[in-house]
């Protein structure tokens, strides 16, 4: 069964850290670019970060640059998102998706081309 499963979400105070993981089954994640998206209540879905299949190319939304780091371990079929210096505005459901290619402009994430697979999401709440 093809699926992506996110984990690692939770409640954290402003300034804290969380590490999200995206685990794949039924597909070889190393064959895909993988991106993280988020959606807050009442807002449109926003691209957060993307990593190429070989892990060399990464890009980020301007709002998370310098605070979030995406990485992948193709041997473990996982992609992670390390989130530091969290802010209340980072509160959202975070989703991972696998697709063909990351697209960005000047290091800013703009699009995941042909996003074939999506996870069910994990809630991140940043609040004191």
Protein backbone atom coordinates (compact mmCIF):
# COMPACT_ATOMS: atom_id res chain seq x y z
CA UNK A 1 0.00 0.00 0.00
CA UNK A 2 1.39 3.37 -1.06
CA UNK A 3 1.42 5.91 1.71
CA UNK A 4 3.26 8.74 3.37
CA UNK A 5 2.94 9.14 7.12
CA UNK A 6 3.94 12.27 8.99
CA UNK A 7 4.90 12.27 12.66
CA UNK A 8 6.53 14.51 15.22
CA UNK A 9 3.92 17.20 15.56
CA UNK A 10 2.72 18.54 18.87
CA UNK A 11 2.42 21.52 21.17
CA UNK A 12 5.50 23.64 21.73
CA UNK A 13 6.18 27.04 23.26
CA UNK A 14 7.36 29.95 21.11
CA UNK A 15 11.07 29.67 20.54
CA UNK A 16 10.98 25.90 20.85
CA UNK A 17 11.82 23.18 18.36
CA UNK A 18 10.14 20.21 16.73
CA UNK A 19 11.33 17.64 14.24
CA UNK A 20 8.80 16.30 11.78
CA UNK A 21 9.31 13.06 9.90
CA UNK A 22 7.74 11.77 6.72
CA UNK A 23 7.98 8.01 6.33
CA UNK A 24 7.09 6.24 3.12
CA UNK A 25 5.83 2.75 2.47
CA UNK A 26 5.10 1.16 -0.85
CA UNK A 27 7.30 3.64 -2.71
CA UNK A 28 11.00 4.37 -2.84
CA UNK A 29 11.13 7.90 -1.52
CA UNK A 30 14.59 8.37 -2.99
CA UNK A 31 13.01 8.41 -6.45
CA UNK A 32 11.06 11.55 -5.62
CA UNK A 33 11.46 15.14 -4.63
CA UNK A 34 9.71 15.65 -1.30
CA UNK A 35 8.13 18.79 0.03
CA UNK A 36 6.52 19.96 3.22
CA UNK A 37 3.38 22.05 3.12
CA UNK A 38 1.26 23.53 5.87
CA UNK A 39 -2.25 24.81 6.23
CA UNK A 40 -3.54 26.94 9.06
CA UNK A 41 -7.25 27.30 9.81
CA UNK A 42 -8.88 29.68 7.38
CA UNK A 43 -5.76 30.00 5.25
CA UNK A 44 -4.59 28.53 1.99
CA UNK A 45 -2.07 25.73 1.91
CA UNK A 46 1.50 27.06 1.90
CA UNK A 47 4.66 25.43 0.64
CA UNK A 48 7.29 25.28 3.39
CA UNK A 49 10.30 23.47 1.99
CA UNK A 50 11.38 21.06 -0.70
CA UNK A 51 14.30 18.69 -1.19
CA UNK A 52 15.43 17.07 -4.41
CA UNK A 53 15.59 13.30 -4.76
CA UNK A 54 19.37 13.30 -4.31
CA UNK A 55 19.21 15.66 -1.34
CA UNK A 56 21.54 18.20 -2.93
CA UNK A 57 18.98 20.89 -3.79
CA UNK A 58 16.74 22.40 -1.14
CA UNK A 59 14.58 25.47 -0.96
CA UNK A 60 12.40 27.15 1.63
CA UNK A 61 9.56 29.59 2.04
CA UNK A 62 10.87 33.01 2.99
CA UNK A 63 8.96 32.82 6.28
CA UNK A 64 10.99 29.82 7.49
CA UNK A 65 14.44 30.46 6.05
CA UNK A 66 17.12 30.25 8.70
CA UNK A 67 14.78 28.45 11.11
CA UNK A 68 13.75 25.25 9.34
CA UNK A 69 16.00 22.60 7.79
CA UNK A 70 14.85 19.84 5.48
CA UNK A 71 16.86 16.65 5.11
CA UNK A 72 16.43 13.13 3.87
CA UNK A 73 17.70 9.65 4.56
CA UNK A 74 16.98 7.60 1.48
CA UNK A 75 18.28 4.45 3.15
CA UNK A 76 15.53 4.83 5.76
CA UNK A 77 12.98 6.08 3.23
CA UNK A 78 12.32 9.19 5.29
CA UNK A 79 12.42 12.97 4.98
CA UNK A 80 12.64 15.21 8.02
CA UNK A 81 11.91 18.84 8.79
CA UNK A 82 13.80 20.33 11.72
CA UNK A 83 11.92 23.37 12.96
CA UNK A 84 13.68 25.76 15.33
CA UNK A 85 12.76 29.12 16.80
CA UNK A 86 9.10 28.32 16.30
CA UNK A 87 6.59 31.15 16.25
CA UNK A 88 2.82 31.15 16.84
CA UNK A 89 2.34 31.83 13.14
CA UNK A 90 3.94 28.45 12.40
CA UNK A 91 0.85 26.78 13.87
CA UNK A 92 -0.73 24.61 11.18
CA UNK A 93 -1.26 21.08 9.96
CA UNK A 94 1.93 20.02 8.21
CA UNK A 95 1.83 17.66 5.25
CA UNK A 96 4.54 15.95 3.27
CA UNK A 97 4.20 15.20 -0.41
CA UNK A 98 6.31 13.32 -2.95
CA UNK A 99 6.58 14.53 -6.51
CA UNK A 100 8.77 14.93 -9.52
CA UNK A 101 10.80 18.06 -8.90
CA UNK A 102 11.18 21.03 -6.59
CA UNK A 103 10.78 24.43 -8.18
CA UNK A 104 12.04 27.59 -6.66
CA UNK A 105 13.26 31.09 -7.35
CA UNK A 106 16.46 32.26 -5.71
CA UNK A 107 16.24 29.56 -3.07
CA UNK A 108 12.61 30.28 -2.31
CA UNK A 109 10.28 27.31 -2.64
CA UNK A 110 7.51 27.89 -5.14
CA UNK A 111 6.18 24.55 -6.34
CA UNK A 112 6.42 20.77 -6.17
CA UNK A 113 5.87 19.51 -9.68
CA UNK A 114 3.56 16.51 -10.17
CA UNK A 115 2.82 15.88 -6.49
CA UNK A 116 1.70 12.28 -6.66
CA UNK A 117 1.55 11.27 -3.02
CA UNK A 118 0.40 13.06 0.12
CA UNK A 119 0.38 12.23 3.79
CA UNK A 120 -2.51 12.77 6.17
CA UNK A 121 -0.83 15.59 8.09
CA UNK A 122 0.43 16.25 11.58
CA UNK A 123 -0.65 19.13 13.80
CA UNK A 124 1.91 21.66 15.01
CA UNK A 125 0.76 24.16 17.61
CA UNK A 126 3.04 26.90 18.86
CA UNK A 127 1.59 28.55 21.92
CA UNK A 128 2.51 29.62 25.41
